[in-house]
């Protein structure tokens, strides 16, 4: 697979318009299991800069029976929008009822998961396995397009191996069957997050597509965002783990890279953590709280030099009360790092 040179300056992309949805700035939250839920989304919304939010991946099979008032996957508060709902399925037979449910939930967009590399997901033919079964993927996209007028997107990886023609053919199929946008996680299926993303591969996809292409993978700073846009030529960026570590990163990138009118503010780390805890307690049943706090803390703790101590203390907690107490003790003992130390550059 050939690589594009990084020397050509790329004009910064503008707002993305797909059907009735305007994504401005072109910054999207990635669907992440156990993380892209209402509690985290509302923290990000508070800082600003997110053009399109996302749910976690939703099982198309189970979705129709979920109660949106209490389901941890479907809870949504006022202000969380626009919001894309991601469906995970291995067959077009489950699409119809799932999309009917998303219409009832007033989804702003629908995304199809064709990139999850989890072996558990792959065993039943979903996620990245769909890239190895293009005829099945084609039927899923076609049925989804037939069932909804909402903006329809798909999230993929680079495939199982370096095969430029196969990858571009798959992306062209998605467009031909009615996808309005695709997001490309710039790693192969077998590659871990520790592997540097292959942003240049996205440029080859972008060259042959007529719909917006979003780059995903390895964006942890405004500098990363600038480089990814330059190398990939993408129409926008999707952030995952970097946005969990720093929920304010959308605001930073929106202001510094896209020139968005974002109000400058300091970030006091314990306050961000406390707001997340309160969001969990206010809207989630007790059974769903602690696991989500542990998942969030695993990433958020990286803001601290000795963050592994915070993560370990919360991970070993047996209750929300114990976790809050241990986190509070950590913050009290790391006061210097907890000062209003992270600002959105002016």
Protein backbone atom coordinates (compact mmCIF):
# COMPACT_ATOMS: atom_id res chain seq x y z
CA UNK A 1 0.00 0.00 0.00
CA UNK A 2 1.54 3.31 -1.00
CA UNK A 3 1.91 6.14 1.45
CA UNK A 4 1.15 9.80 0.84
CA UNK A 5 3.80 12.33 1.76
CA UNK A 6 3.14 14.54 4.76
CA UNK A 7 4.57 17.65 3.13
CA UNK A 8 1.44 18.98 1.43
CA UNK A 9 -0.42 21.45 3.58
CA UNK A 10 -4.04 20.46 4.04
CA UNK A 11 -6.74 23.08 4.40
CA UNK A 12 -8.56 22.65 7.66
CA UNK A 13 -11.91 20.95 7.12
CA UNK A 14 -15.11 22.80 7.83
CA UNK A 15 -18.41 21.71 9.30
CA UNK A 16 -19.78 18.46 7.89
CA UNK A 17 -23.34 18.37 6.56
CA UNK A 18 -24.93 14.95 6.07
CA UNK A 19 -28.63 15.01 5.34
CA UNK A 20 -30.24 17.15 8.06
CA UNK A 21 -27.28 16.85 10.46
CA UNK A 22 -24.59 19.50 10.76
CA UNK A 23 -21.41 18.40 12.56
CA UNK A 24 -19.68 21.59 13.66
CA UNK A 25 -16.84 21.46 14.53
CA UNK A 26 -16.03 18.19 12.74
CA UNK A 27 -15.04 16.46 15.98
CA UNK A 28 -16.78 13.22 16.95
CA UNK A 29 -16.81 11.10 20.08
CA UNK A 30 -15.97 7.44 19.47
CA UNK A 31 -18.35 4.69 20.61
CA UNK A 32 -16.51 2.92 23.46
CA UNK A 33 -17.88 0.05 25.52
CA UNK A 34 -18.35 1.06 29.14
CA UNK A 35 -17.31 4.66 28.44
CA UNK A 36 -19.40 6.50 25.83
CA UNK A 37 -22.43 6.78 28.11
CA UNK A 38 -24.46 9.70 29.36
CA UNK A 39 -22.34 10.50 32.42
CA UNK A 40 -19.18 11.03 30.37
CA UNK A 41 -20.97 12.68 27.46
CA UNK A 42 -22.45 15.41 29.64
CA UNK A 43 -18.99 16.21 31.08
CA UNK A 44 -17.69 16.68 27.53
CA UNK A 45 -20.68 18.80 26.56
CA UNK A 46 -19.93 21.05 29.52
CA UNK A 47 -16.52 21.91 28.08
CA UNK A 48 -17.82 22.27 24.51
CA UNK A 49 -16.29 21.50 21.14
CA UNK A 50 -17.99 18.17 20.41
CA UNK A 51 -19.66 18.13 17.00
CA UNK A 52 -21.26 14.68 17.33
CA UNK A 53 -21.62 12.51 20.42
CA UNK A 54 -22.01 8.73 20.40
CA UNK A 55 -23.48 5.95 22.46
CA UNK A 56 -21.62 2.78 23.32
CA UNK A 57 -22.06 0.01 20.76
CA UNK A 58 -25.60 -1.35 21.08
CA UNK A 59 -26.57 -4.93 20.39
CA UNK A 60 -29.17 -4.77 17.62
CA UNK A 61 -30.64 -8.01 18.96
CA UNK A 62 -31.18 -6.78 22.52
CA UNK A 63 -31.89 -3.13 21.78
CA UNK A 64 -35.65 -3.43 21.09
CA UNK A 65 -36.31 -4.65 24.66
CA UNK A 66 -34.17 -2.00 26.42
CA UNK A 67 -35.96 0.61 28.55
CA UNK A 68 -34.44 4.01 27.70
CA UNK A 69 -35.35 5.42 31.11
CA UNK A 70 -33.16 2.97 33.02
CA UNK A 71 -30.90 1.24 30.48
CA UNK A 72 -27.28 2.35 31.05
CA UNK A 73 -26.84 2.20 27.29
CA UNK A 74 -29.77 4.46 26.43
CA UNK A 75 -29.96 7.02 29.26
CA UNK A 76 -29.74 10.47 27.68
CA UNK A 77 -30.16 13.86 29.30
CA UNK A 78 -31.13 17.19 27.81
CA UNK A 79 -28.21 18.80 26.04
CA UNK A 80 -26.61 15.55 24.86
CA UNK A 81 -26.84 16.16 21.19
CA UNK A 82 -26.50 15.62 18.43
CA UNK A 83 -26.15 11.97 19.39
CA UNK A 84 -25.33 9.04 17.12
CA UNK A 85 -26.40 5.54 18.16
CA UNK A 86 -24.09 2.71 17.12
CA UNK A 87 -25.51 -0.70 16.21
CA UNK A 88 -23.63 -3.98 16.46
CA UNK A 89 -25.00 -6.84 14.40
CA UNK A 90 -23.95 -9.68 12.11
CA UNK A 91 -27.16 -9.87 10.09
CA UNK A 92 -29.60 -7.60 8.31
CA UNK A 93 -32.47 -9.48 9.98
CA UNK A 94 -31.95 -7.52 13.22
CA UNK A 95 -31.71 -4.08 11.66
CA UNK A 96 -35.40 -3.25 11.22
CA UNK A 97 -36.57 -3.54 14.84
CA UNK A 98 -33.34 -1.96 16.11
CA UNK A 99 -33.78 1.13 13.96
CA UNK A 100 -37.44 1.39 14.94
CA UNK A 101 -36.18 1.59 18.54
CA UNK A 102 -33.67 4.29 17.63
CA UNK A 103 -36.43 6.32 16.01
CA UNK A 104 -38.41 6.03 19.26
CA UNK A 105 -35.30 7.21 21.15
CA UNK A 106 -35.07 10.23 18.85
CA UNK A 107 -31.62 9.35 17.58
CA UNK A 108 -29.88 12.03 15.54
CA UNK A 109 -27.85 9.53 13.49
CA UNK A 110 -27.20 5.80 13.13
CA UNK A 111 -23.75 4.22 12.99
CA UNK A 112 -22.92 0.64 12.00
CA UNK A 113 -20.09 -1.11 13.83
CA UNK A 114 -17.86 -2.79 11.27
CA UNK A 115 -14.56 -2.27 13.04
CA UNK A 116 -14.63 -3.73 16.55
CA UNK A 117 -11.67 -6.17 16.75
CA UNK A 118 -12.85 -7.97 19.90
CA UNK A 119 -12.59 -11.77 19.48
CA UNK A 120 -15.89 -12.15 21.35
CA UNK A 121 -17.61 -9.90 18.81
CA UNK A 122 -15.85 -11.58 15.90
CA UNK A 123 -17.00 -15.04 16.95
CA UNK A 124 -20.54 -14.26 15.92
CA UNK A 125 -19.52 -12.51 12.73
CA UNK A 126 -19.92 -8.89 13.80
CA UNK A 127 -17.55 -5.92 14.10
CA UNK A 128 -14.39 -6.14 12.00
CA UNK A 129 -15.40 -9.61 10.76
CA UNK A 130 -17.89 -7.88 8.46
CA UNK A 131 -14.99 -6.49 6.46
CA UNK A 132 -14.16 -10.10 5.59
CA UNK A 133 -17.79 -10.71 4.57
CA UNK A 134 -18.60 -7.82 2.22
CA UNK A 135 -21.84 -9.39 0.97
CA UNK A 136 -23.19 -9.60 4.52
CA UNK A 137 -22.02 -6.05 5.21
CA UNK A 138 -23.70 -4.89 2.02
CA UNK A 139 -27.06 -6.33 3.09
CA UNK A 140 -26.78 -4.71 6.52
CA UNK A 141 -26.08 -1.26 5.08
CA UNK A 142 -28.78 -1.60 2.43
CA UNK A 143 -31.39 -2.65 5.01
CA UNK A 144 -30.40 0.15 7.37
CA UNK A 145 -30.65 2.66 4.54
CA UNK A 146 -34.07 1.31 3.59
CA UNK A 147 -35.31 1.58 7.17
CA UNK A 148 -34.25 5.12 8.04
CA UNK A 149 -33.86 8.59 6.61
CA UNK A 150 -31.48 9.52 9.43
CA UNK A 151 -27.82 10.14 8.65
CA UNK A 152 -26.18 6.71 8.33
CA UNK A 153 -22.49 6.05 8.94
CA UNK A 154 -20.19 3.08 9.36
CA UNK A 155 -17.04 2.69 11.46
CA UNK A 156 -14.34 0.39 10.10
CA UNK A 157 -10.66 -0.51 10.54
CA UNK A 158 -8.02 -0.88 7.83
CA UNK A 159 -8.81 -4.58 7.49
CA UNK A 160 -6.93 -7.72 8.42
CA UNK A 161 -3.91 -6.90 6.27
CA UNK A 162 -2.44 -4.28 3.94
CA UNK A 163 -4.64 -4.60 0.86
CA UNK A 164 -5.39 -1.19 -0.60
CA UNK A 165 -7.72 -2.36 -3.35
CA UNK A 166 -9.76 -4.55 -1.03
CA UNK A 167 -10.13 -1.72 1.49
CA UNK A 168 -11.14 0.87 -1.10
CA UNK A 169 -13.60 -1.55 -2.68
CA UNK A 170 -15.23 -2.14 0.71
CA UNK A 171 -15.51 1.61 1.36
CA UNK A 172 -16.97 2.20 -2.10
CA UNK A 173 -19.56 -0.47 -1.36
CA UNK A 174 -20.59 1.33 1.83
CA UNK A 175 -21.08 4.53 -0.11
CA UNK A 176 -22.96 2.82 -2.95
CA UNK A 177 -25.40 1.21 -0.50
CA UNK A 178 -26.28 4.52 1.11
CA UNK A 179 -23.78 5.33 3.87
CA UNK A 180 -23.51 9.09 4.32
CA UNK A 181 -20.15 9.02 6.11
CA UNK A 182 -17.46 6.55 7.17
CA UNK A 183 -15.01 6.60 10.07
CA UNK A 184 -11.72 4.76 9.71
CA UNK A 185 -9.78 3.58 12.74
CA UNK A 186 -6.27 3.70 11.34
CA UNK A 187 -5.02 0.32 12.54
CA UNK A 188 -5.34 -3.21 11.21
CA UNK A 189 -7.71 -5.57 12.96
CA UNK A 190 -4.97 -7.39 14.86
CA UNK A 191 -3.06 -4.27 15.94
CA UNK A 192 -3.30 -3.09 19.57
CA UNK A 193 -3.86 0.50 20.65
CA UNK A 194 -0.14 0.71 21.51
CA UNK A 195 0.68 0.53 17.79
CA UNK A 196 1.07 3.96 16.16
CA UNK A 197 -1.94 4.68 13.93
CA UNK A 198 -1.49 4.51 10.17
CA UNK A 199 -3.14 7.82 9.27
CA UNK A 200 -1.63 7.91 5.78
CA UNK A 201 -3.74 4.91 4.78
CA UNK A 202 -6.85 7.03 5.30
CA UNK A 203 -5.64 9.44 2.61
CA UNK A 204 -5.97 6.70 0.00
CA UNK A 205 -9.56 6.04 1.07
CA UNK A 206 -10.37 9.75 1.07
CA UNK A 207 -9.14 10.09 -2.51
CA UNK A 208 -11.75 7.68 -3.85
CA UNK A 209 -14.77 8.65 -1.74
CA UNK A 210 -17.51 11.22 -2.33
CA UNK A 211 -18.82 11.16 1.24
CA UNK A 212 -17.07 12.52 4.35
CA UNK A 213 -14.26 10.39 5.78
CA UNK A 214 -13.43 10.68 9.49
CA UNK A 215 -10.02 9.71 10.91
CA UNK A 216 -9.84 7.85 14.23
CA UNK A 217 -6.96 6.58 16.33
CA UNK A 218 -4.04 8.04 18.27
CA UNK A 219 -5.31 11.58 18.86
CA UNK A 220 -4.37 12.77 22.36
CA UNK A 221 -3.60 16.46 21.79
CA UNK A 222 -4.19 19.40 19.48
CA UNK A 223 -0.80 18.65 17.94
CA UNK A 224 -1.93 15.09 17.16
CA UNK A 225 -5.11 16.49 15.63
CA UNK A 226 -3.18 18.85 13.37
CA UNK A 227 -0.86 16.08 12.21
CA UNK A 228 -3.66 13.60 11.63
CA UNK A 229 -5.56 16.08 9.46
CA UNK A 230 -2.43 16.89 7.49
CA UNK A 231 -1.47 13.27 6.90
CA UNK A 232 -4.92 11.77 6.34
CA UNK A 233 -6.70 14.60 4.55
CA UNK A 234 -9.79 13.55 6.53
CA UNK A 235 -12.93 15.64 6.76
CA UNK A 236 -13.00 15.36 10.54
CA UNK A 237 -11.65 13.55 13.56
CA UNK A 238 -13.06 10.99 15.99
CA UNK A 239 -11.57 10.80 19.48
CA UNK A 240 -11.80 7.88 21.87
CA UNK A 241 -9.41 7.17 24.73
CA UNK A 242 -7.85 10.63 24.54
CA UNK A 243 -11.24 12.16 25.28
CA UNK A 244 -11.72 9.94 28.33
CA UNK A 245 -8.34 10.97 29.74
CA UNK A 246 -9.07 14.63 29.01
CA UNK A 247 -12.81 15.28 28.53
CA UNK A 248 -11.88 18.88 27.67
CA UNK A 249 -9.75 17.87 24.67
CA UNK A 250 -12.60 18.53 22.22
CA UNK A 251 -12.70 22.13 23.42
CA UNK A 252 -8.92 22.47 23.04
CA UNK A 253 -8.91 21.08 19.50
CA UNK A 254 -12.03 22.99 18.47
CA UNK A 255 -10.45 26.27 19.57
CA UNK A 256 -6.85 25.79 18.45
CA UNK A 257 -7.33 23.74 15.29
CA UNK A 258 -10.74 24.82 14.00
CA UNK A 259 -10.96 28.32 15.46
CA UNK A 260 -14.24 27.65 17.24
CA UNK A 261 -15.55 30.23 19.68
CA UNK A 262 -14.87 28.30 22.88
CA UNK A 263 -14.82 30.07 26.23
CA UNK A 264 -11.44 29.67 27.89
CA UNK A 265 -11.56 28.01 31.29
CA UNK A 266 -9.28 26.26 33.71
CA UNK A 267 -9.70 22.58 34.49
CA UNK A 268 -9.62 21.50 38.14
CA UNK A 269 -9.16 17.73 37.98
CA UNK A 270 -10.96 16.74 41.22
CA UNK A 271 -13.99 18.79 40.14
CA UNK A 272 -14.16 16.97 36.81
CA UNK A 273 -13.99 13.64 38.62
CA UNK A 274 -16.63 14.70 41.14
CA UNK A 275 -18.98 15.83 38.36
CA UNK A 276 -18.63 12.44 36.70
CA UNK A 277 -19.42 10.64 39.98
CA UNK A 278 -22.47 12.83 40.56
CA UNK A 279 -23.74 12.15 37.05
CA UNK A 280 -23.52 8.42 37.68
CA UNK A 281 -25.31 8.67 41.01
CA UNK A 282 -28.07 10.93 39.72
CA UNK A 283 -29.15 8.86 36.72
CA UNK A 284 -27.84 5.30 37.04
CA UNK A 285 -29.14 2.49 39.18
CA UNK A 286 -26.60 1.37 41.83
CA UNK A 287 -25.73 -1.82 39.96
CA UNK A 288 -24.42 0.19 37.01
CA UNK A 289 -22.35 2.82 38.82
CA UNK A 290 -19.16 1.29 40.20
CA UNK A 291 -18.08 -0.52 37.05
CA UNK A 292 -18.40 2.66 35.01
CA UNK A 293 -16.49 4.65 37.60
CA UNK A 294 -13.66 2.11 37.53
CA UNK A 295 -13.54 2.18 33.73
CA UNK A 296 -13.39 5.97 33.65
CA UNK A 297 -10.78 6.18 36.42
CA UNK A 298 -8.48 3.80 34.54
CA UNK A 299 -8.05 6.52 31.90
CA UNK A 300 -8.60 9.74 33.86
CA UNK A 301 -5.86 8.78 36.33
CA UNK A 302 -3.29 9.27 33.57
CA UNK A 303 -3.52 13.01 34.18
CA UNK A 304 -1.45 12.43 37.33
CA UNK A 305 2.21 11.52 37.65
CA UNK A 306 1.28 8.80 40.15
CA UNK A 307 -2.13 8.14 38.64
CA UNK A 308 -1.65 4.38 38.83
CA UNK A 309 -2.21 4.74 42.58
CA UNK A 310 -5.59 6.41 42.02
CA UNK A 311 -6.59 3.77 39.46
CA UNK A 312 -5.53 0.90 41.74
CA UNK A 313 -7.39 2.29 44.75
CA UNK A 314 -10.62 2.72 42.83
CA UNK A 315 -10.29 -0.61 41.02
CA UNK A 316 -10.04 -2.45 44.34
CA UNK A 317 -13.03 -0.64 45.87
CA UNK A 318 -16.10 -2.67 46.69
CA UNK A 319 -18.61 0.18 46.64
CA UNK A 320 -19.16 3.68 45.28
CA UNK A 321 -18.74 5.09 48.76
CA UNK A 322 -15.37 3.41 49.18
CA UNK A 323 -14.24 4.49 45.73
CA UNK A 324 -15.20 8.12 46.38
CA UNK A 325 -13.41 8.10 49.73
CA UNK A 326 -10.24 6.64 48.25
CA UNK A 327 -10.28 9.03 45.31
CA UNK A 328 -10.80 11.96 47.66
CA UNK A 329 -7.79 10.90 49.73
CA UNK A 330 -5.68 10.66 46.58
CA UNK A 331 -6.69 14.14 45.43
CA UNK A 332 -5.96 15.57 48.89
CA UNK A 333 -2.46 14.08 48.80
CA UNK A 334 -1.78 15.31 45.28
CA UNK A 335 -2.94 18.87 45.71
CA UNK A 336 -0.21 20.43 43.60
CA UNK A 337 -1.30 18.47 40.55
CA UNK A 338 -4.95 19.22 41.29
CA UNK A 339 -4.65 22.97 40.94
CA UNK A 340 -6.43 24.67 38.01
CA UNK A 341 -3.56 23.59 35.79
CA UNK A 342 -5.05 22.75 32.43
CA UNK A 343 -6.46 25.59 30.40
CA UNK A 344 -7.88 25.92 26.93
CA UNK A 345 -5.27 28.01 25.10
CA UNK A 346 -6.42 31.45 24.05
